[in-house]
Each structure stands twice: as structure tokens, then as C-alpha cells.
Amino acid sequence: MPHNITLAEGAGWVTRKGACPAHSGQPVIVPGSMGAPSYLLVGSGNDRFLRSTSHGAGRARSRFDMSRAGADKTDSALGLIGVDCITGREERRIEEAPAAYKPIQPVIDVQVEAQIVGVVAKMKPVLTFKA
């Protein structure tokens, strides 16, 4: 989904940073981490939130923090137990590990409660490719 974008809407412009359009009836994909579900949602066109929804939960830890010397890089500490990730660069697997991200479920729950979006499907990750 487009995010970090400025779009002409109505008589003006809407800039979304870490958010994407959620106009009434518009399909929206909100990604989880490689260890958390992603969601297929439908926008409600909620004017109070400028017909926008989040683009994920956001990072809990920076890429630098994840890859710094001395950081615990075991699969268990990174949240990579039971996660299949294919990459040509091991540092990408570490930087983007599930432990780097905030939980997605509370983000989805709040937006459903605020009538920003409706849930169509919850999708469990099977395999992740990181370039």
C-alpha cells in the first residue's frame, strides 16, 4: 500500500507518513512483521482520521540497535523461532527480525474500534524474502 505519500484529495492535499489511504470500501493491507500476522482491511472513509489508516505498528528498536555489537542475535532473542526467512544478506534478517517491531494486534484493534477500518482477513506469514 502506498505510505509516506502526499495525495490530492478534495480541494487540498493529504500527507501520510507511516499511514495509507482508507477511503470507504477501499482495500488496505497492513503488514505485520515476519513473525506476526498481516491484515487485509477495508477502509471506512472516516473523515475524522482523514480517511487514513496506519501502515503497520512501527519499530520498537532501530536497525542500528538490532545489529550493534554486543546485541543478542540468537534466533530466540530476535523472535525468529519458527520463522522462515530467505535473504542474501544476514544483516537484513537481523535488522528486520520480529523483535524489532511493536505488536500489530493492538494497532488493528484500536483502528477497528475507532471505525477507521474493518477486518476482512488475518494472514499468517509463511515465508519472508528480505533483499
C-alpha atoms as a PDB file:
ATOM      1  CA  MET A   1       0.000   0.000   0.000  1.00  0.00           C
ATOM      2  CA  PRO A   2       1.261   3.499  -0.635  1.00  0.00           C
ATOM      3  CA  HIS A   3       2.540   5.163   2.525  1.00  0.00           C
ATOM      4  CA  ASN A   4       4.771   8.163   3.214  1.00  0.00           C
ATOM      5  CA  ILE A   5       2.974   9.917   0.367  1.00  0.00           C
ATOM      6  CA  THR A   6       1.143  13.158  -0.426  1.00  0.00           C
ATOM      7  CA  LEU A   7      -2.054  12.887  -2.476  1.00  0.00           C
ATOM      8  CA  ALA A   8      -4.508  15.428  -3.845  1.00  0.00           C
ATOM      9  CA  GLU A   9      -7.845  14.854  -2.115  1.00  0.00           C
ATOM     10  CA  GLY A  10     -10.873  17.087  -2.463  1.00  0.00           C
ATOM     11  CA  ALA A  11      -9.830  20.748  -2.566  1.00  0.00           C
ATOM     12  CA  GLY A  12      -6.448  20.125  -0.895  1.00  0.00           C
ATOM     13  CA  TRP A  13      -3.642  17.704  -0.205  1.00  0.00           C
ATOM     14  CA  VAL A  14      -3.202  14.984   2.440  1.00  0.00           C
ATOM     15  CA  THR A  15       0.291  13.933   3.511  1.00  0.00           C
ATOM     16  CA  ARG A  16       0.511  10.495   5.095  1.00  0.00           C
ATOM     17  CA  LYS A  17       3.685   9.478   6.928  1.00  0.00           C
ATOM     18  CA  GLY A  18       3.517   5.870   8.137  1.00  0.00           C
ATOM     19  CA  ALA A  19      -0.114   5.804   7.047  1.00  0.00           C
ATOM     20  CA  CYS A  20      -2.037   4.868   3.923  1.00  0.00           C
ATOM     21  CA  PRO A  21      -5.406   5.781   2.380  1.00  0.00           C
ATOM     22  CA  ALA A  22      -8.512   4.109   3.831  1.00  0.00           C
ATOM     23  CA  HIS A  23     -11.381   5.593   1.817  1.00  0.00           C
ATOM     24  CA  SER A  24     -14.804   3.998   2.156  1.00  0.00           C
ATOM     25  CA  GLY A  25     -14.708   0.498   0.659  1.00  0.00           C
ATOM     26  CA  GLN A  26     -11.007   0.745  -0.218  1.00  0.00           C
ATOM     27  CA  PRO A  27      -8.971  -2.421   0.399  1.00  0.00           C
ATOM     28  CA  VAL A  28      -5.939  -1.854   2.640  1.00  0.00           C
ATOM     29  CA  ILE A  29      -3.104  -4.218   3.543  1.00  0.00           C
ATOM     30  CA  VAL A  30      -1.457  -3.530   6.905  1.00  0.00           C
ATOM     31  CA  PRO A  31       1.689  -5.627   7.295  1.00  0.00           C
ATOM     32  CA  GLY A  32       2.826  -7.264  10.490  1.00  0.00           C
ATOM     33  CA  SER A  33       6.411  -8.372  10.991  1.00  0.00           C
ATOM     34  CA  MET A  34       7.840 -11.545   9.520  1.00  0.00           C
ATOM     35  CA  GLY A  35       6.673 -13.215  12.743  1.00  0.00           C
ATOM     36  CA  ALA A  36       3.270 -11.521  13.145  1.00  0.00           C
ATOM     37  CA  PRO A  37       0.115 -11.574  11.035  1.00  0.00           C
ATOM     38  CA  SER A  38      -0.691  -9.055   8.324  1.00  0.00           C
ATOM     39  CA  TYR A  39      -4.242  -7.827   7.775  1.00  0.00           C
ATOM     40  CA  LEU A  40      -6.443  -7.284   4.775  1.00  0.00           C
ATOM     41  CA  LEU A  41      -8.761  -4.449   5.811  1.00  0.00           C
ATOM     42  CA  VAL A  42     -11.450  -2.323   4.222  1.00  0.00           C
ATOM     43  CA  GLY A  43     -11.440   1.419   4.769  1.00  0.00           C
ATOM     44  CA  SER A  44     -14.399   3.132   6.389  1.00  0.00           C
ATOM     45  CA  GLY A  45     -13.664   6.577   4.910  1.00  0.00           C
ATOM     46  CA  ASN A  46     -13.565   8.083   8.410  1.00  0.00           C
ATOM     47  CA  ASP A  47     -13.223  11.859   7.892  1.00  0.00           C
ATOM     48  CA  ARG A  48     -12.111  12.358  11.496  1.00  0.00           C
ATOM     49  CA  PHE A  49      -8.879  10.487  10.608  1.00  0.00           C
ATOM     50  CA  LEU A  50      -8.586  11.968   7.086  1.00  0.00           C
ATOM     51  CA  ARG A  51      -9.636   8.634   5.560  1.00  0.00           C
ATOM     52  CA  SER A  52      -6.276   7.151   6.649  1.00  0.00           C
ATOM     53  CA  THR A  53      -5.036   4.090   8.492  1.00  0.00           C
ATOM     54  CA  SER A  54      -1.648   3.040   9.826  1.00  0.00           C
ATOM     55  CA  HIS A  55       0.923   1.197   7.785  1.00  0.00           C
ATOM     56  CA  GLY A  56       1.912  -1.312  10.469  1.00  0.00           C
ATOM     57  CA  ALA A  57       2.756  -0.953  14.138  1.00  0.00           C
ATOM     58  CA  GLY A  58       6.153   0.672  13.718  1.00  0.00           C
ATOM     59  CA  ARG A  59       9.563  -0.215  15.020  1.00  0.00           C
ATOM     60  CA  ALA A  60      10.292  -0.903  18.678  1.00  0.00           C
ATOM     61  CA  ARG A  61      14.058  -0.990  18.048  1.00  0.00           C
ATOM     62  CA  SER A  62      16.155   0.764  15.401  1.00  0.00           C
ATOM     63  CA  ARG A  63      18.090  -1.086  12.716  1.00  0.00           C
ATOM     64  CA  PHE A  64      21.308   0.081  14.409  1.00  0.00           C
ATOM     65  CA  ASP A  65      20.165  -1.241  17.804  1.00  0.00           C
ATOM     66  CA  MET A  66      19.306  -4.611  16.291  1.00  0.00           C
ATOM     67  CA  SER A  67      22.694  -5.001  14.576  1.00  0.00           C
ATOM     68  CA  ARG A  68      25.030  -3.293  17.054  1.00  0.00           C
ATOM     69  CA  ALA A  69      27.971  -5.136  18.528  1.00  0.00           C
ATOM     70  CA  GLY A  70      27.064  -6.979  21.710  1.00  0.00           C
ATOM     71  CA  ALA A  71      23.349  -7.273  20.849  1.00  0.00           C
ATOM     72  CA  ASP A  72      21.861 -10.735  21.380  1.00  0.00           C
ATOM     73  CA  LYS A  73      21.497 -12.119  17.863  1.00  0.00           C
ATOM     74  CA  THR A  74      20.208 -15.562  18.727  1.00  0.00           C
ATOM     75  CA  ASP A  75      17.070 -16.672  16.896  1.00  0.00           C
ATOM     76  CA  SER A  76      15.233 -16.769  20.224  1.00  0.00           C
ATOM     77  CA  ALA A  77      16.134 -13.162  21.169  1.00  0.00           C
ATOM     78  CA  LEU A  78      15.274 -11.933  17.656  1.00  0.00           C
ATOM     79  CA  GLY A  79      11.876 -13.666  17.669  1.00  0.00           C
ATOM     80  CA  LEU A  80      12.904 -15.849  14.748  1.00  0.00           C
ATOM     81  CA  ILE A  81      11.908 -19.242  16.200  1.00  0.00           C
ATOM     82  CA  GLY A  82       9.527 -20.831  13.707  1.00  0.00           C
ATOM     83  CA  VAL A  83      10.071 -18.012  11.161  1.00  0.00           C
ATOM     84  CA  ASP A  84      11.332 -18.839   7.664  1.00  0.00           C
ATOM     85  CA  CYS A  85      13.326 -16.013   6.106  1.00  0.00           C
ATOM     86  CA  ILE A  86      15.304 -16.141   2.879  1.00  0.00           C
ATOM     87  CA  THR A  87      17.904 -13.446   2.344  1.00  0.00           C
ATOM     88  CA  GLY A  88      21.251 -12.917   0.691  1.00  0.00           C
ATOM     89  CA  ARG A  89      22.296 -10.542   3.477  1.00  0.00           C
ATOM     90  CA  GLU A  90      22.208 -11.840   7.069  1.00  0.00           C
ATOM     91  CA  GLU A  91      22.176  -8.282   8.460  1.00  0.00           C
ATOM     92  CA  ARG A  92      18.749  -7.683   6.839  1.00  0.00           C
ATOM     93  CA  ARG A  93      17.340 -10.733   8.642  1.00  0.00           C
ATOM     94  CA  ILE A  94      18.607  -9.303  11.952  1.00  0.00           C
ATOM     95  CA  GLU A  95      17.534  -5.690  11.289  1.00  0.00           C
ATOM     96  CA  GLU A  96      14.016  -6.751  10.286  1.00  0.00           C
ATOM     97  CA  ALA A  97      13.526  -9.520  12.866  1.00  0.00           C
ATOM     98  CA  PRO A  98      10.180  -9.680  14.714  1.00  0.00           C
ATOM     99  CA  ALA A  99      11.824  -8.340  17.904  1.00  0.00           C
ATOM    100  CA  ALA A 100      12.425  -5.035  16.067  1.00  0.00           C
ATOM    101  CA  TYR A 101       8.684  -4.332  15.743  1.00  0.00           C
ATOM    102  CA  LYS A 102       5.849  -3.386  18.082  1.00  0.00           C
ATOM    103  CA  PRO A 103       2.882  -5.787  18.322  1.00  0.00           C
ATOM    104  CA  ILE A 104       0.397  -5.323  15.452  1.00  0.00           C
ATOM    105  CA  GLN A 105      -2.784  -6.606  17.149  1.00  0.00           C
ATOM    106  CA  PRO A 106      -3.382  -3.566  19.430  1.00  0.00           C
ATOM    107  CA  VAL A 107      -2.920  -1.254  16.425  1.00  0.00           C
ATOM    108  CA  ILE A 108      -5.569  -3.120  14.432  1.00  0.00           C
ATOM    109  CA  ASP A 109      -7.945  -3.328  17.424  1.00  0.00           C
ATOM    110  CA  VAL A 110      -7.830   0.438  18.068  1.00  0.00           C
ATOM    111  CA  GLN A 111      -8.483   1.278  14.414  1.00  0.00           C
ATOM    112  CA  VAL A 112     -11.423  -1.134  14.188  1.00  0.00           C
ATOM    113  CA  GLU A 113     -12.879   0.310  17.411  1.00  0.00           C
ATOM    114  CA  ALA A 114     -12.465   3.860  16.028  1.00  0.00           C
ATOM    115  CA  GLN A 115     -14.301   2.776  12.843  1.00  0.00           C
ATOM    116  CA  ILE A 116     -11.329   3.607  10.632  1.00  0.00           C
ATOM    117  CA  VAL A 117     -11.235   0.131   9.047  1.00  0.00           C
ATOM    118  CA  GLY A 118     -12.928  -3.252   9.154  1.00  0.00           C
ATOM    119  CA  VAL A 119     -11.072  -6.570   9.146  1.00  0.00           C
ATOM    120  CA  VAL A 120     -11.548  -8.749   6.071  1.00  0.00           C
ATOM    121  CA  ALA A 121      -8.795 -11.313   6.750  1.00  0.00           C
ATOM    122  CA  LYS A 122      -5.918 -12.011   9.129  1.00  0.00           C
ATOM    123  CA  MET A 123      -2.989 -13.574   7.275  1.00  0.00           C
ATOM    124  CA  LYS A 124      -0.266 -15.591   8.973  1.00  0.00           C
ATOM    125  CA  PRO A 125       3.220 -15.290   7.446  1.00  0.00           C
ATOM    126  CA  VAL A 126       4.535 -18.448   5.831  1.00  0.00           C
ATOM    127  CA  LEU A 127       7.811 -17.279   4.308  1.00  0.00           C
ATOM    128  CA  THR A 128       9.640 -13.948   4.149  1.00  0.00           C
ATOM    129  CA  PHE A 129      12.079 -12.714   1.496  1.00  0.00           C
ATOM    130  CA  LYS A 130      14.423  -9.876   2.504  1.00  0.00           C
ATOM    131  CA  ALA A 131      16.576  -8.263  -0.165  1.00  0.00           C
END
